[in-house]
Amino acid sequence: MTQPTEASLREAGCTDTFIREFVNCWDAGGQDLCLRLLRLHRCELLEELHKAQRPLDVLDWIIRDCEENHV
């Protein structure tokens, strides 16, 4: 496995602190821990996505309801 670039980690929404921790972990040979860190970050991003999706779902429901009732 090759180490992700700092730019890739930034694009993935990683903070400077996360990137430093990741690079230190990688340099110390802790690729398994690095993978766990990446998976944890992915879970956090997915949770944020789900939280952002909820208001969109509600708005879609309101729009559909208004359209069906010709409001």
N, C-alpha and C. Protein backbone atom coordinates (compact mmCIF):
# COMPACT_ATOMS: atom_id res chain seq x y z
N MET A 1 0.85 -1.18 0.00
CA MET A 1 0.00 0.00 0.00
C MET A 1 0.90 1.24 0.00
N THR A 2 0.53 2.22 -0.81
CA THR A 2 1.31 3.46 -0.85
C THR A 2 0.63 4.51 0.01
N GLN A 3 1.44 5.39 0.56
CA GLN A 3 0.92 6.44 1.43
C GLN A 3 0.16 7.46 0.60
N PRO A 4 -1.07 7.81 1.04
CA PRO A 4 -1.81 8.87 0.35
C PRO A 4 -1.06 10.19 0.48
N THR A 5 -1.20 11.04 -0.52
CA THR A 5 -0.54 12.34 -0.46
C THR A 5 -1.30 13.26 0.49
N GLU A 6 -0.59 14.26 0.97
CA GLU A 6 -1.21 15.24 1.85
C GLU A 6 -2.36 15.94 1.14
N ALA A 7 -2.18 16.23 -0.15
CA ALA A 7 -3.23 16.88 -0.93
C ALA A 7 -4.48 16.00 -1.01
N SER A 8 -4.29 14.70 -1.16
CA SER A 8 -5.44 13.78 -1.22
C SER A 8 -6.17 13.77 0.12
N LEU A 9 -5.41 13.76 1.19
CA LEU A 9 -6.04 13.76 2.52
C LEU A 9 -6.81 15.06 2.75
N ARG A 10 -6.25 16.18 2.31
CA ARG A 10 -6.97 17.46 2.43
C ARG A 10 -8.26 17.43 1.61
N GLU A 11 -8.16 16.91 0.39
CA GLU A 11 -9.34 16.83 -0.47
C GLU A 11 -10.41 15.94 0.15
N ALA A 12 -9.98 14.97 0.94
CA ALA A 12 -10.92 14.08 1.63
C ALA A 12 -11.49 14.71 2.90
N GLY A 13 -11.14 15.97 3.15
CA GLY A 13 -11.71 16.67 4.29
C GLY A 13 -10.95 16.47 5.59
N CYS A 14 -9.74 15.95 5.51
CA CYS A 14 -8.95 15.71 6.72
C CYS A 14 -8.37 17.03 7.23
N THR A 15 -8.37 17.18 8.54
CA THR A 15 -7.80 18.36 9.17
C THR A 15 -6.28 18.27 9.19
N ASP A 16 -5.64 19.40 9.47
CA ASP A 16 -4.17 19.39 9.60
C ASP A 16 -3.74 18.44 10.71
N THR A 17 -4.48 18.44 11.81
CA THR A 17 -4.16 17.55 12.93
C THR A 17 -4.24 16.09 12.50
N PHE A 18 -5.31 15.74 11.79
CA PHE A 18 -5.47 14.37 11.31
C PHE A 18 -4.32 14.00 10.38
N ILE A 19 -3.97 14.91 9.48
CA ILE A 19 -2.91 14.63 8.51
C ILE A 19 -1.58 14.40 9.23
N ARG A 20 -1.27 15.24 10.21
CA ARG A 20 -0.03 15.05 10.97
C ARG A 20 -0.03 13.70 11.68
N GLU A 21 -1.16 13.37 12.31
CA GLU A 21 -1.27 12.09 13.01
C GLU A 21 -1.11 10.93 12.02
N PHE A 22 -1.73 11.05 10.88
CA PHE A 22 -1.66 10.00 9.87
C PHE A 22 -0.23 9.82 9.37
N VAL A 23 0.42 10.92 9.03
CA VAL A 23 1.80 10.85 8.51
C VAL A 23 2.73 10.26 9.56
N ASN A 24 2.60 10.70 10.81
CA ASN A 24 3.43 10.15 11.88
C ASN A 24 3.20 8.66 12.05
N CYS A 25 1.95 8.27 12.00
CA CYS A 25 1.59 6.86 12.13
C CYS A 25 2.21 6.06 10.97
N TRP A 26 2.07 6.59 9.77
CA TRP A 26 2.59 5.92 8.58
C TRP A 26 4.10 5.77 8.66
N ASP A 27 4.76 6.87 9.02
CA ASP A 27 6.22 6.85 9.10
C ASP A 27 6.72 5.87 10.16
N ALA A 28 5.90 5.64 11.18
CA ALA A 28 6.27 4.70 12.23
C ALA A 28 5.96 3.26 11.86
N GLY A 29 5.42 3.07 10.65
CA GLY A 29 5.12 1.72 10.18
C GLY A 29 3.77 1.19 10.62
N GLY A 30 2.91 2.08 11.05
CA GLY A 30 1.59 1.66 11.55
C GLY A 30 0.51 1.71 10.50
N GLN A 31 0.71 1.03 9.37
CA GLN A 31 -0.28 1.09 8.28
C GLN A 31 -1.65 0.57 8.72
N ASP A 32 -1.68 -0.43 9.58
CA ASP A 32 -2.98 -0.94 10.04
C ASP A 32 -3.74 0.13 10.82
N LEU A 33 -3.03 0.85 11.68
CA LEU A 33 -3.65 1.93 12.43
C LEU A 33 -4.07 3.05 11.47
N CYS A 34 -3.25 3.33 10.48
CA CYS A 34 -3.60 4.34 9.48
C CYS A 34 -4.90 3.99 8.78
N LEU A 35 -5.06 2.74 8.42
CA LEU A 35 -6.31 2.31 7.78
C LEU A 35 -7.49 2.51 8.71
N ARG A 36 -7.31 2.22 9.98
CA ARG A 36 -8.40 2.44 10.95
C ARG A 36 -8.73 3.92 11.05
N LEU A 37 -7.70 4.78 11.04
CA LEU A 37 -7.94 6.22 11.08
C LEU A 37 -8.73 6.67 9.86
N LEU A 38 -8.35 6.17 8.68
CA LEU A 38 -9.07 6.53 7.47
C LEU A 38 -10.52 6.05 7.50
N ARG A 39 -10.73 4.84 7.98
CA ARG A 39 -12.10 4.31 8.07
C ARG A 39 -12.94 5.11 9.06
N LEU A 40 -12.33 5.51 10.17
CA LEU A 40 -13.04 6.33 11.15
C LEU A 40 -13.42 7.68 10.54
N HIS A 41 -12.49 8.29 9.82
CA HIS A 41 -12.79 9.57 9.17
C HIS A 41 -13.92 9.39 8.15
N ARG A 42 -13.89 8.29 7.43
CA ARG A 42 -14.95 8.01 6.45
C ARG A 42 -16.31 7.92 7.14
N CYS A 43 -16.36 7.23 8.26
CA CYS A 43 -17.61 7.10 9.02
C CYS A 43 -18.11 8.46 9.48
N GLU A 44 -17.19 9.32 9.92
CA GLU A 44 -17.57 10.66 10.36
C GLU A 44 -18.14 11.47 9.20
N LEU A 45 -17.51 11.37 8.03
CA LEU A 45 -18.01 12.09 6.86
C LEU A 45 -19.39 11.56 6.44
N LEU A 46 -19.56 10.26 6.51
CA LEU A 46 -20.84 9.67 6.14
C LEU A 46 -21.94 10.12 7.09
N GLU A 47 -21.62 10.22 8.37
CA GLU A 47 -22.60 10.71 9.36
C GLU A 47 -22.99 12.16 9.04
N GLU A 48 -22.01 12.99 8.68
CA GLU A 48 -22.31 14.37 8.29
C GLU A 48 -23.21 14.41 7.06
N LEU A 49 -22.93 13.54 6.12
CA LEU A 49 -23.74 13.46 4.90
C LEU A 49 -25.18 13.09 5.24
N HIS A 50 -25.36 12.12 6.11
CA HIS A 50 -26.71 11.72 6.49
C HIS A 50 -27.44 12.85 7.20
N LYS A 51 -26.73 13.59 8.05
CA LYS A 51 -27.35 14.72 8.75
C LYS A 51 -27.78 15.80 7.75
N ALA A 52 -26.97 16.03 6.72
CA ALA A 52 -27.30 17.03 5.71
C ALA A 52 -28.43 16.54 4.81
N GLN A 53 -28.55 15.24 4.63
CA GLN A 53 -29.58 14.67 3.76
C GLN A 53 -30.98 14.85 4.35
N ARG A 54 -31.09 14.78 5.67
CA ARG A 54 -32.40 14.83 6.34
C ARG A 54 -33.20 16.08 5.96
N PRO A 55 -32.62 17.30 6.05
CA PRO A 55 -33.41 18.47 5.66
C PRO A 55 -33.82 18.44 4.18
N LEU A 56 -32.97 17.89 3.33
CA LEU A 56 -33.34 17.77 1.92
C LEU A 56 -34.53 16.84 1.73
N ASP A 57 -34.52 15.74 2.46
CA ASP A 57 -35.65 14.81 2.38
C ASP A 57 -36.94 15.48 2.83
N VAL A 58 -36.88 16.26 3.89
CA VAL A 58 -38.07 16.95 4.39
C VAL A 58 -38.56 17.97 3.37
N LEU A 59 -37.63 18.73 2.79
CA LEU A 59 -38.02 19.70 1.76
C LEU A 59 -38.64 19.01 0.56
N ASP A 60 -38.08 17.89 0.14
CA ASP A 60 -38.66 17.13 -0.97
C ASP A 60 -40.08 16.69 -0.64
N TRP A 61 -40.30 16.26 0.59
CA TRP A 61 -41.64 15.84 1.01
C TRP A 61 -42.61 17.02 0.97
N ILE A 62 -42.16 18.19 1.48
CA ILE A 62 -43.01 19.38 1.48
C ILE A 62 -43.35 19.79 0.04
N ILE A 63 -42.36 19.80 -0.84
CA ILE A 63 -42.59 20.17 -2.24
C ILE A 63 -43.58 19.21 -2.90
N ARG A 64 -43.37 17.92 -2.68
CA ARG A 64 -44.27 16.92 -3.26
C ARG A 64 -45.69 17.11 -2.73
N ASP A 65 -45.81 17.36 -1.45
CA ASP A 65 -47.11 17.56 -0.83
C ASP A 65 -47.79 18.80 -1.41
N CYS A 66 -47.03 19.87 -1.58
CA CYS A 66 -47.60 21.10 -2.15
C CYS A 66 -48.05 20.88 -3.59
N GLU A 67 -47.23 20.17 -4.36
CA GLU A 67 -47.57 19.90 -5.76
C GLU A 67 -48.83 19.04 -5.86
N GLU A 68 -48.95 18.05 -4.98
CA GLU A 68 -50.12 17.18 -5.02
C GLU A 68 -51.39 17.90 -4.60
N ASN A 69 -51.24 18.89 -3.75
CA ASN A 69 -52.41 19.65 -3.27
C ASN A 69 -52.55 20.99 -3.99
N HIS A 70 -51.77 21.18 -5.06
CA HIS A 70 -51.83 22.38 -5.91
C HIS A 70 -51.73 23.66 -5.10
N VAL A 71 -50.82 23.68 -4.19
CA VAL A 71 -50.63 24.89 -3.37
C VAL A 71 -49.64 25.79 -4.04
